Amino acid sequence: MNFISTLKKQHFSHLENFAQRKLEKLSTLSDRFKNIELYFYCEKAAFFSS
């Protein structure tokens, strides 16, 4: 069980980092709104990894 939760944490933390990097690459506000799904995905990853 502990092994599974550790795996999950690593997976979500990887996804979160990936999404964060993508968000940082978006320069303008309109770009950010176009990629709002990515933002929520990042939020979800952060929620599940905590």
Protein backbone atom coordinates (compact mmCIF):
# COMPACT_ATOMS: atom_id res chain seq x y z
CA MET A 1 0.00 0.00 0.00
CA ASN A 2 2.77 2.41 0.96
CA PHE A 3 4.65 1.55 -2.22
CA ILE A 4 1.57 2.36 -4.32
CA SER A 5 1.02 5.75 -2.66
CA THR A 6 4.70 6.61 -3.12
CA LEU A 7 4.44 5.73 -6.80
CA LYS A 8 1.30 7.85 -7.09
CA LYS A 9 3.00 10.80 -5.41
CA GLN A 10 6.00 10.62 -7.74
CA HIS A 11 3.72 10.34 -10.77
CA PHE A 12 1.58 13.33 -9.82
CA SER A 13 4.59 15.40 -8.84
CA HIS A 14 6.06 14.66 -12.28
CA LEU A 15 2.80 15.70 -13.96
CA GLU A 16 2.66 18.84 -11.84
CA ASN A 17 6.21 19.83 -12.78
CA PHE A 18 5.45 19.17 -16.45
CA ALA A 19 2.30 21.28 -16.35
CA GLN A 20 4.10 24.03 -14.43
CA ARG A 21 6.85 24.20 -17.05
CA LYS A 22 4.21 24.41 -19.79
CA LEU A 23 2.46 27.24 -17.95
CA GLU A 24 5.71 29.17 -17.49
CA LYS A 25 6.29 29.05 -21.24
CA LEU A 26 3.01 30.82 -21.91
CA SER A 27 3.79 34.50 -22.21
CA THR A 28 0.55 36.38 -22.73
CA LEU A 29 -2.66 36.28 -20.75
CA SER A 30 -4.66 35.11 -23.76
CA ASP A 31 -2.27 32.18 -24.14
CA ARG A 32 -2.91 31.34 -20.50
CA PHE A 33 -6.67 31.39 -21.05
CA LYS A 34 -6.32 29.15 -24.08
CA ASN A 35 -4.47 26.71 -21.85
CA ILE A 36 -6.78 27.00 -18.83
CA GLU A 37 -7.37 23.24 -18.96
CA LEU A 38 -3.67 22.70 -18.43
CA TYR A 39 -3.84 25.01 -15.41
CA PHE A 40 -6.66 23.01 -13.83
CA TYR A 41 -4.82 19.79 -14.63
CA CYS A 42 -1.84 21.19 -12.75
CA GLU A 43 -4.06 22.13 -9.81
CA LYS A 44 -5.56 18.63 -9.76
CA ALA A 45 -2.11 17.07 -9.78
CA ALA A 46 -1.06 19.27 -6.88
CA PHE A 47 -4.20 18.33 -4.96
CA PHE A 48 -3.75 14.59 -5.42
CA SER A 49 -0.04 14.64 -4.66
CA SER A 50 -0.48 16.43 -1.33
